[in-house]
Protein backbone atom coordinates (compact mmCIF):
# COMPACT_ATOMS: atom_id res chain seq x y z
CA MET A 1 -4.63 15.83 -23.25
CA GLN A 2 -1.63 15.39 -22.34
CA ARG A 3 1.21 17.59 -24.19
CA TRP A 4 4.57 17.71 -24.41
CA HIS A 5 6.66 20.79 -23.45
CA ASP A 6 10.12 21.66 -24.04
CA GLY A 7 12.85 23.56 -22.34
CA ASN A 8 12.39 22.18 -18.64
CA HIS A 9 15.06 21.99 -15.86
CA PHE A 10 14.48 19.18 -13.18
CA THR A 11 16.28 19.46 -10.24
CA LEU A 12 15.92 15.85 -8.06
CA LEU A 13 15.08 15.84 -4.57
CA GLU A 14 15.91 13.24 -2.32
CA ASN A 15 14.06 12.58 0.84
CA GLY A 16 12.69 15.57 2.95
CA GLU A 17 16.39 16.60 3.97
CA GLN A 18 16.56 18.20 0.29
CA PHE A 19 12.74 18.33 -0.41
CA PHE A 20 11.42 20.15 2.57
CA PRO A 21 13.74 23.19 2.83
CA ARG A 22 13.35 23.72 -0.77
CA VAL A 23 9.62 23.84 -1.09
CA PHE A 24 9.38 26.15 2.50
CA ALA A 25 11.85 28.65 0.79
CA CYS A 26 9.87 29.08 -2.67
CA ILE A 27 6.72 29.96 -0.18
CA ALA A 28 8.34 32.31 2.11
CA ASN A 29 9.71 34.36 -1.34
CA ALA A 30 6.06 34.10 -3.02
CA ARG A 31 4.57 36.92 -4.04
CA THR A 32 0.99 36.56 -5.20
CA GLU A 33 -0.05 32.58 -4.79
CA VAL A 34 0.99 29.14 -3.42
CA VAL A 35 -1.52 26.63 -4.17
CA LEU A 36 -0.19 23.30 -2.60
CA GLU A 37 -2.14 19.82 -2.63
CA THR A 38 -0.89 16.37 -0.15
CA PHE A 39 -2.15 13.59 1.03
CA ILE A 40 -0.51 13.89 4.20
CA LEU A 41 0.14 16.61 6.32
CA PHE A 42 0.71 15.60 9.82
CA GLU A 43 0.85 18.16 12.78
CA ASP A 44 4.27 17.17 13.52
CA LYS A 45 7.44 19.23 13.16
CA VAL A 46 7.24 19.28 9.42
CA GLY A 47 3.54 19.97 9.48
CA LEU A 48 4.28 22.79 12.04
CA GLN A 49 6.96 24.26 9.63
CA LEU A 50 4.74 24.37 6.74
CA HIS A 51 1.69 25.81 8.54
CA GLU A 52 4.55 28.64 9.80
CA ALA A 53 5.02 28.95 5.81
CA LEU A 54 1.52 29.22 4.58
CA VAL A 55 0.36 31.16 6.99
CA ALA A 56 3.54 33.97 6.91
CA ALA A 57 2.68 33.87 3.16
CA ALA A 58 -0.60 34.51 3.51
CA ARG A 59 0.00 37.31 5.97
CA ARG A 60 1.55 39.45 3.71
CA GLY A 61 -1.32 39.21 0.89
CA VAL A 62 -0.42 35.91 -0.98
CA GLN A 63 -3.55 33.86 -2.03
CA VAL A 64 -3.12 30.25 -0.68
CA ASP A 65 -4.81 27.44 -1.70
CA ALA A 66 -3.86 24.09 0.31
CA THR A 67 -5.74 20.50 -0.13
CA ILE A 68 -5.47 17.95 1.71
CA ASP A 69 -6.78 14.57 1.74
CA GLY A 70 -9.38 13.78 4.34
CA TRP A 71 -8.56 10.40 5.10
CA GLY A 72 -4.77 10.89 4.80
CA SER A 73 -5.00 13.99 7.37
CA PRO A 74 -7.43 13.14 9.60
CA ASP A 75 -6.24 14.24 12.78
CA LEU A 76 -5.12 18.12 12.52
CA SER A 77 -5.81 20.36 15.79
CA GLU A 78 -8.60 22.84 15.84
CA ARG A 79 -6.57 25.29 16.75
CA PHE A 80 -4.06 24.25 13.83
CA ILE A 81 -6.92 24.67 11.16
CA ALA A 82 -7.96 27.77 12.82
CA SER A 83 -5.05 29.71 12.33
CA LEU A 84 -4.25 29.28 8.98
CA CYS A 85 -8.00 29.97 8.10
CA GLU A 86 -7.22 33.66 10.38
CA ALA A 87 -4.57 34.12 8.72
CA GLY A 88 -6.16 34.14 4.86
CA VAL A 89 -5.00 30.80 4.03
CA ARG A 90 -8.20 28.54 1.97
CA LEU A 91 -7.86 25.42 3.33
CA HIS A 92 -9.80 22.59 1.66
CA VAL A 93 -10.60 18.95 2.60
CA PHE A 94 -10.51 16.19 -0.25
CA ASP A 95 -13.57 14.09 0.65
CA PRO A 96 -13.86 14.26 4.43
CA GLY A 97 -16.53 11.72 4.66
CA PRO A 98 -18.55 10.68 7.91
CA ARG A 99 -17.06 8.58 10.35
CA PRO A 100 -19.61 6.43 11.91
CA PHE A 101 -18.54 4.97 15.32
CA GLY A 102 -15.08 6.47 14.57
CA LEU A 103 -14.46 4.54 11.59
CA ARG A 104 -13.41 5.79 8.19
CA PRO A 105 -15.11 3.52 6.14
CA ASN A 106 -14.66 5.89 2.57
CA LEU A 107 -10.97 4.66 1.87
CA LEU A 108 -11.49 4.45 -1.67
CA ARG A 109 -10.62 6.84 -4.67
CA ARG A 110 -8.36 9.34 -3.07
CA LEU A 111 -6.41 12.12 -3.26
CA HIS A 112 -3.08 11.09 -3.30
CA ARG A 113 -1.25 13.31 -5.36
CA LYS A 114 1.52 15.67 -3.72
CA ILE A 115 1.93 18.62 -5.63
CA VAL A 116 3.31 22.67 -5.09
CA VAL A 117 2.70 25.65 -7.65
CA VAL A 118 4.61 28.52 -6.40
CA ASP A 119 3.62 32.04 -8.45
CA GLY A 120 2.96 30.30 -11.25
CA GLU A 121 6.65 29.62 -11.90
CA VAL A 122 8.00 26.91 -9.75
CA ALA A 123 6.32 23.00 -9.27
CA PHE A 124 7.29 20.21 -6.95
CA ILE A 125 6.08 16.85 -7.58
CA GLY A 126 6.41 13.90 -6.00
CA GLY A 127 6.08 11.04 -3.82
CA ILE A 128 6.66 13.12 -0.64
CA ASN A 129 4.27 14.00 2.14
CA TYR A 130 4.50 16.63 4.73
CA SER A 131 5.30 14.21 7.76
CA ALA A 132 8.15 13.86 10.08
CA ASP A 133 8.77 10.57 8.85
CA HIS A 134 10.18 11.81 5.92
CA LEU A 135 13.52 12.85 7.46
CA GLY A 136 16.38 10.55 8.42
CA ASP A 137 16.15 11.50 12.11
CA PHE A 138 12.91 9.96 12.29
CA GLY A 139 14.84 6.37 12.91
CA PRO A 140 14.36 3.62 11.55
CA GLN A 141 10.73 3.95 9.98
CA ALA A 142 12.24 7.02 8.10
CA LYS A 143 11.24 6.43 4.54
CA GLN A 144 13.23 6.56 1.36
CA ASP A 145 11.84 9.03 -1.48
CA TYR A 146 11.93 11.48 -4.43
CA SER A 147 10.44 14.23 -5.51
CA VAL A 148 10.92 16.91 -8.68
CA GLU A 149 11.69 20.53 -8.35
CA VAL A 150 10.17 22.13 -12.07
CA ARG A 151 10.93 25.15 -13.87
CA GLY A 152 10.13 26.35 -17.27
CA PRO A 153 7.03 25.87 -19.27
CA LEU A 154 5.72 22.62 -17.95
CA VAL A 155 4.99 24.64 -14.15
CA GLY A 156 2.56 26.68 -16.18
CA GLU A 157 0.90 23.06 -17.26
CA ILE A 158 0.92 22.18 -13.62
CA HIS A 159 -0.39 25.66 -12.28
CA ARG A 160 -3.59 25.13 -15.06
CA PHE A 161 -4.24 21.55 -13.74
CA ALA A 162 -3.91 22.17 -10.00
CA HIS A 163 -6.45 24.93 -10.60
CA ALA A 164 -9.02 23.23 -12.43
CA ALA A 165 -8.90 20.33 -9.82
CA LEU A 166 -9.39 23.32 -7.50
CA ALA A 167 -12.65 24.65 -9.35
CA ALA A 168 -13.67 21.18 -10.08
CA GLY A 169 -13.95 20.22 -6.57
CA SER A 170 -15.37 23.36 -5.41
CA ARG A 171 -18.30 23.34 -7.29
CA HIS A 172 -20.31 25.28 -4.73
CA THR A 173 -18.66 28.09 -5.14
CA PRO A 174 -19.12 28.66 -9.15
CA HIS A 175 -18.23 32.57 -8.81
CA ARG A 176 -15.03 31.89 -7.89
CA ARG A 177 -14.00 30.11 -11.57
CA TRP A 178 -14.29 33.12 -13.30
CA TRP A 179 -11.58 35.06 -11.09
CA ARG A 180 -9.48 31.37 -10.99
CA TRP A 181 -9.69 31.76 -15.03
CA ARG A 182 -8.14 34.84 -14.88
CA ARG A 183 -5.43 34.27 -13.03
CA GLN A 184 -4.37 30.47 -15.03
CA ALA A 185 -4.40 33.11 -17.96
CA ARG A 186 -1.87 35.19 -16.30
CA PHE A 187 0.54 31.69 -16.70
CA ALA A 188 -0.14 30.31 -19.46
CA PRO A 189 2.73 27.97 -20.44
CA GLY A 190 4.02 30.14 -23.68
CA GLN A 191 4.47 32.76 -21.27
CA LEU A 192 6.88 31.01 -19.52
CA ALA A 193 10.93 31.18 -20.26
CA HIS A 194 12.62 27.95 -21.44
CA ALA A 195 14.67 26.97 -18.17
CA GLY A 196 16.57 24.20 -19.81
CA SER A 197 16.64 21.36 -22.17
CA ALA A 198 14.37 18.75 -20.58
CA ARG A 199 11.38 17.70 -22.73
CA ALA A 200 8.31 17.15 -20.02
CA MET A 201 4.91 16.22 -19.60
CA LEU A 202 2.21 16.51 -16.86
CA VAL A 203 0.34 12.89 -16.47
CA THR A 204 -2.63 12.32 -14.19
CA ARG A 205 -4.78 9.54 -12.96
CA ASP A 206 -8.44 10.12 -12.24
CA ASN A 207 -11.75 8.16 -12.25
CA GLY A 208 -12.76 9.91 -15.43
CA ARG A 209 -11.25 10.45 -18.50
CA HIS A 210 -7.66 9.46 -17.38
CA THR A 211 -7.99 5.79 -15.92
CA THR A 212 -5.42 4.56 -17.32
CA ASP A 213 -2.83 7.43 -18.53
CA ILE A 214 0.27 6.69 -15.90
CA GLU A 215 -0.01 2.93 -16.33
CA ARG A 216 0.11 3.72 -20.05
CA GLN A 217 3.06 5.56 -20.49
CA TYR A 218 5.00 3.01 -18.24
CA ARG A 219 3.86 0.57 -20.47
CA ILE A 220 4.99 2.93 -24.02
CA ALA A 221 8.32 3.16 -22.27
CA ILE A 222 8.91 -0.41 -21.12
CA ARG A 223 8.10 -1.61 -24.71
CA ALA A 224 10.33 0.59 -26.03
CA ALA A 225 13.25 -0.24 -24.04
CA ARG A 226 16.41 -1.23 -25.78
CA GLU A 227 19.06 -1.56 -22.65
CA ARG A 228 17.74 -1.11 -18.79
CA VAL A 229 14.18 -0.33 -17.03
CA VAL A 230 14.97 0.56 -13.64
CA ILE A 231 11.58 0.68 -11.42
CA ALA A 232 11.85 1.91 -7.63
CA ASN A 233 8.52 1.52 -6.12
CA ALA A 234 7.19 1.06 -2.52
CA TYR A 235 3.99 -0.73 -3.17
CA PHE A 236 4.75 -3.30 -6.71
CA PHE A 237 1.65 -5.16 -7.65
CA PRO A 238 0.51 -3.94 -10.84
CA GLY A 239 -2.08 -5.24 -14.04
CA TYR A 240 -1.34 -8.12 -16.05
CA ARG A 241 -0.29 -6.18 -18.46
CA LEU A 242 2.42 -4.10 -16.99
CA ILE A 243 3.64 -7.27 -15.93
CA ARG A 244 3.59 -9.08 -19.37
CA ASP A 245 5.89 -6.29 -20.89
CA LEU A 246 8.14 -6.03 -18.14
CA ARG A 247 9.21 -9.97 -18.79
CA ARG A 248 8.83 -9.26 -22.41
CA ALA A 249 11.23 -6.97 -22.09
CA ALA A 250 14.01 -8.58 -19.93
CA ARG A 251 13.22 -12.06 -22.03
CA ARG A 252 14.88 -9.64 -25.58
CA GLY A 253 18.00 -8.79 -23.31
CA VAL A 254 17.14 -5.60 -21.91
CA ASP A 255 18.37 -5.26 -18.27
CA VAL A 256 15.09 -4.87 -16.23
CA ARG A 257 15.65 -4.03 -12.39
CA LEU A 258 12.93 -3.59 -9.29
CA ILE A 259 13.49 -1.82 -6.38
CA LEU A 260 11.39 -3.04 -3.94
CA GLN A 261 10.53 -2.52 0.27
CA GLY A 262 12.56 -5.07 1.76
CA THR A 263 11.52 -3.68 5.28
CA PRO A 264 7.85 -2.61 4.35
CA ASP A 265 5.86 -0.14 6.63
CA MET A 266 2.64 -2.57 5.80
CA ALA A 267 3.30 -6.68 5.33
CA ILE A 268 0.46 -7.07 3.53
CA VAL A 269 3.19 -5.03 0.87
CA LYS A 270 5.93 -7.95 0.55
CA VAL A 271 3.42 -10.45 0.55
CA GLY A 272 1.83 -9.16 -2.30
CA ALA A 273 4.98 -7.94 -4.22
CA SER A 274 6.76 -11.18 -3.40
CA ALA A 275 3.74 -13.78 -4.96
CA LEU A 276 4.91 -11.93 -8.21
CA TYR A 277 8.80 -13.09 -7.92
CA ASN A 278 8.65 -16.09 -9.37
CA HIS A 279 7.04 -14.98 -12.72
CA LEU A 280 9.05 -12.20 -12.98
CA LEU A 281 12.69 -14.00 -11.95
CA LYS A 282 11.79 -16.86 -14.34
CA ALA A 283 11.73 -13.74 -17.43
CA GLY A 284 14.90 -12.64 -16.23
CA VAL A 285 14.05 -9.71 -14.37
CA ARG A 286 16.11 -8.77 -11.31
CA ILE A 287 14.39 -7.68 -8.16
CA PHE A 288 16.50 -6.04 -5.20
CA GLU A 289 14.66 -5.34 -1.90
CA TYR A 290 15.47 -2.54 -0.13
CA CYS A 291 16.51 -2.95 3.44
CA GLU A 292 17.55 0.16 5.03
CA ARG A 293 14.34 1.62 5.86
CA PRO A 294 11.23 1.90 4.25
CA LEU A 295 10.80 2.32 0.46
CA HIS A 296 8.46 5.01 -0.31
CA GLY A 297 9.67 6.21 -4.14
CA LYS A 298 7.57 6.10 -7.27
CA VAL A 299 10.15 6.44 -9.61
CA ALA A 300 11.69 4.92 -12.52
CA LEU A 301 13.85 5.56 -15.91
CA VAL A 302 14.12 3.33 -19.40
CA ASP A 303 17.45 3.42 -21.08
CA ASP A 304 19.56 6.71 -20.98
CA GLU A 305 16.67 9.69 -21.71
CA TRP A 306 13.13 8.53 -20.29
CA VAL A 307 12.57 9.27 -16.60
CA THR A 308 9.37 9.01 -14.04
CA VAL A 309 8.68 10.94 -10.90
CA GLY A 310 5.28 11.02 -9.07
CA SER A 311 2.85 9.84 -6.28
CA SER A 312 1.69 6.63 -8.23
CA ASN A 313 2.55 3.30 -6.74
CA LEU A 314 2.35 0.20 -9.05
CA ASP A 315 -0.56 -1.19 -7.35
CA PRO A 316 -4.61 -1.06 -7.69
CA LEU A 317 -4.87 1.81 -4.99
CA SER A 318 -2.54 3.95 -7.59
CA LEU A 319 -3.63 2.49 -10.69
CA GLN A 320 -7.14 2.12 -10.57
CA LEU A 321 -8.92 4.28 -7.74
CA ASN A 322 -6.87 6.84 -6.06
CA LEU A 323 -5.86 10.34 -7.60
CA GLU A 324 -2.27 10.65 -9.09
CA ALA A 325 0.09 13.11 -10.63
CA ASN A 326 3.33 11.99 -12.08
CA VAL A 327 6.04 14.01 -14.55
CA VAL A 328 7.17 12.52 -17.46
CA ILE A 329 11.10 13.52 -18.53
CA ARG A 330 12.79 12.87 -21.30
CA ASP A 331 16.46 13.91 -20.64
CA ARG A 332 19.99 12.40 -20.91
CA ASP A 333 21.72 14.62 -17.73
CA PHE A 334 18.82 13.98 -15.64
CA ASN A 335 17.94 10.32 -16.05
CA ALA A 336 21.73 9.81 -15.63
CA LEU A 337 21.73 11.48 -12.39
CA LEU A 338 18.73 9.75 -11.46
CA TYR A 339 20.29 6.12 -12.43
CA GLU A 340 23.12 6.85 -10.64
CA ARG A 341 21.00 7.79 -7.26
CA LEU A 342 19.53 4.27 -7.56
CA ASP A 343 22.66 2.07 -8.30
CA ALA A 344 23.93 3.39 -4.97
CA LEU A 345 21.09 2.38 -3.33
CA VAL A 346 21.28 -1.33 -5.20
CA ARG A 347 24.89 -1.37 -4.32
CA ASP A 348 24.57 -0.44 -1.01
CA SER A 349 21.39 -0.87 0.88
CA CYS A 350 19.72 -3.51 -1.25
CA ARG A 351 19.62 -7.63 -1.47
CA GLN A 352 19.30 -9.52 -4.53
CA VAL A 353 16.73 -11.82 -4.47
CA GLN A 354 17.71 -15.22 -5.84
CA PRO A 355 15.57 -17.24 -8.06
CA GLU A 356 16.90 -20.24 -5.80
CA SER A 357 15.63 -18.76 -2.82
CA VAL A 358 12.25 -18.25 -4.07
CA GLN A 359 12.11 -21.60 -5.13
CA ALA A 360 13.65 -23.19 -1.46
CA ALA A 361 10.88 -20.98 0.38
CA GLY A 362 8.15 -22.78 -2.39
CA GLY A 363 6.06 -25.76 -1.85
CA LEU A 364 2.42 -26.12 -2.53
CA ARG A 365 1.41 -23.24 -0.41
CA GLN A 366 4.01 -20.93 -2.47
CA LEU A 367 2.67 -22.10 -5.65
CA LEU A 368 -0.80 -21.27 -4.66
CA ARG A 369 -0.06 -18.44 -3.37
CA SER A 370 1.93 -17.16 -6.66
CA PHE A 371 -0.84 -18.50 -9.01
CA ILE A 372 -3.91 -16.86 -6.95
CA ALA A 373 -1.77 -13.87 -7.11
CA PHE A 374 -0.83 -13.96 -10.62
CA HIS A 375 -4.21 -14.47 -11.84
CA LEU A 376 -5.46 -11.55 -9.52
CA VAL A 377 -3.45 -8.95 -11.53
CA ARG A 378 -5.50 -10.49 -14.46
CA ILE A 379 -8.92 -9.46 -13.54
CA TYR A 380 -8.39 -6.66 -10.94
CA PRO A 381 -9.01 -3.86 -13.18
CA THR A 382 -12.21 -5.06 -14.19
CA VAL A 383 -13.17 -5.48 -10.95
CA SER A 384 -12.17 -2.26 -9.91
CA ALA A 385 -14.61 -0.84 -12.18
CA TRP A 386 -17.36 -2.05 -9.81
CA LEU A 387 -16.62 0.07 -7.37
CA PRO A 388 -18.18 3.32 -6.67
CA ARG A 389 -17.03 6.41 -8.35
CA HIS A 390 -18.73 9.08 -6.48
CA ARG A 391 -17.94 12.43 -7.36
CA PRO A 392 -14.99 13.71 -5.53
CA ARG A 393 -15.35 16.93 -3.48
CA LEU A 394 -13.60 19.76 -1.80
CA MET A 395 -15.24 21.05 1.63
CA PRO A 396 -13.45 24.53 3.03
CA ALA A 397 -12.18 23.38 6.33
CA MET A 398 -13.94 25.41 9.04
CA ALA A 399 -12.36 28.19 11.49
CA ARG A 400 -12.84 28.12 14.78
CA PRO A 401 -11.99 30.52 17.01
CA LEU A 402 -8.55 30.13 18.13
CA ALA A 403 -7.21 29.69 21.74
CA PRO A 404 -6.94 32.92 24.43
CA ALA A 405 -3.43 34.37 24.51
CA GLY A 406 -1.29 32.43 26.50
CA ALA A 407 -2.06 28.90 25.62
CA PRO A 408 0.75 27.09 24.31
CA PRO A 409 1.92 27.58 20.67
CA ILE A 410 0.13 25.44 18.21
CA GLY A 411 1.28 21.45 18.26
CA GLN A 412 2.80 21.80 21.96
CA GLU A 413 0.06 20.60 23.26
CA ARG A 414 0.19 17.44 21.89
CA ARG A 415 3.74 16.75 22.57
């Protein structure tokens, strides 16, 4: 059950330039434990830095559990995995699945969360993966994204959740559950000192008892909005009820702004979102397309206190299929900081979508596409319930013998 925790402090981390140094520094200072989940881990310069940090932590006696998604991180070399395992890192692969004929058919219900907990004292949660395309020097395809560093009692909740995910997925090793429970008890939320003034909760989405929790928190905040709603989201094709709440908020005078992809990393992303533009613009919603590089963020704020940051997009995959995790924060200072960052994004790097331009690009084809899109958002929650809901599995990555002495460093053979 979701619980509010008082006394937290949040640090906003924008893009890999701010996120990676903080995560790697905390892992470097870990004393007892690192628990990490990510959708994507690539064997590039960022992945190699993470690899080095995890190996060093494990070799000095820190318990390291790292979970990657079997579809999001499919191409790690045997040497990369073997060196982690040899150092003592417990590397788990979420639903690796078969790959007949080299294909990856198991695309549904992926592990999309991005969580790190170090020593049960500091946590990170957001939308940033471990890949070089989250750094500005990657080029025009570098992603714009956000994460938060968390300190305070909420860390205990995130820590407990991360361990529960390990236990639930690793049913082939039940003898380890008691050990994990003992470690969890050492970091119960009540034992962590207050670190700030923010009230916050962890909100997750799964395919069991928490299928709509993240969407529900969005809708509660939007329905209560009196002044402003600002949503920056990479993949925007939400359900009918959330669209209805946005339209109603705009019609009652709330300043509703959507910051969406103008330079999409996948063409279908913009096609889907733009099909909804007409419905939203008619109600008074303002839409801005971020054009500097692909937007990958999943953040929102309402009025002058409410904020959410996490891994969940506002599309069918995140809202109906994937495993996701967001934090919901009530803090005026943090809200003001995020608003300042998003307002600068709108001012410096976005173009506003004008109703005339949507109508000018219209015609029968646009009208038909808009009609189909609008009714798809009404039915896809029902359709998604028909899709398979298998029990997710965590499989341990298999250690293989390391290359002989004198072999090139990890990653160099891929350059």
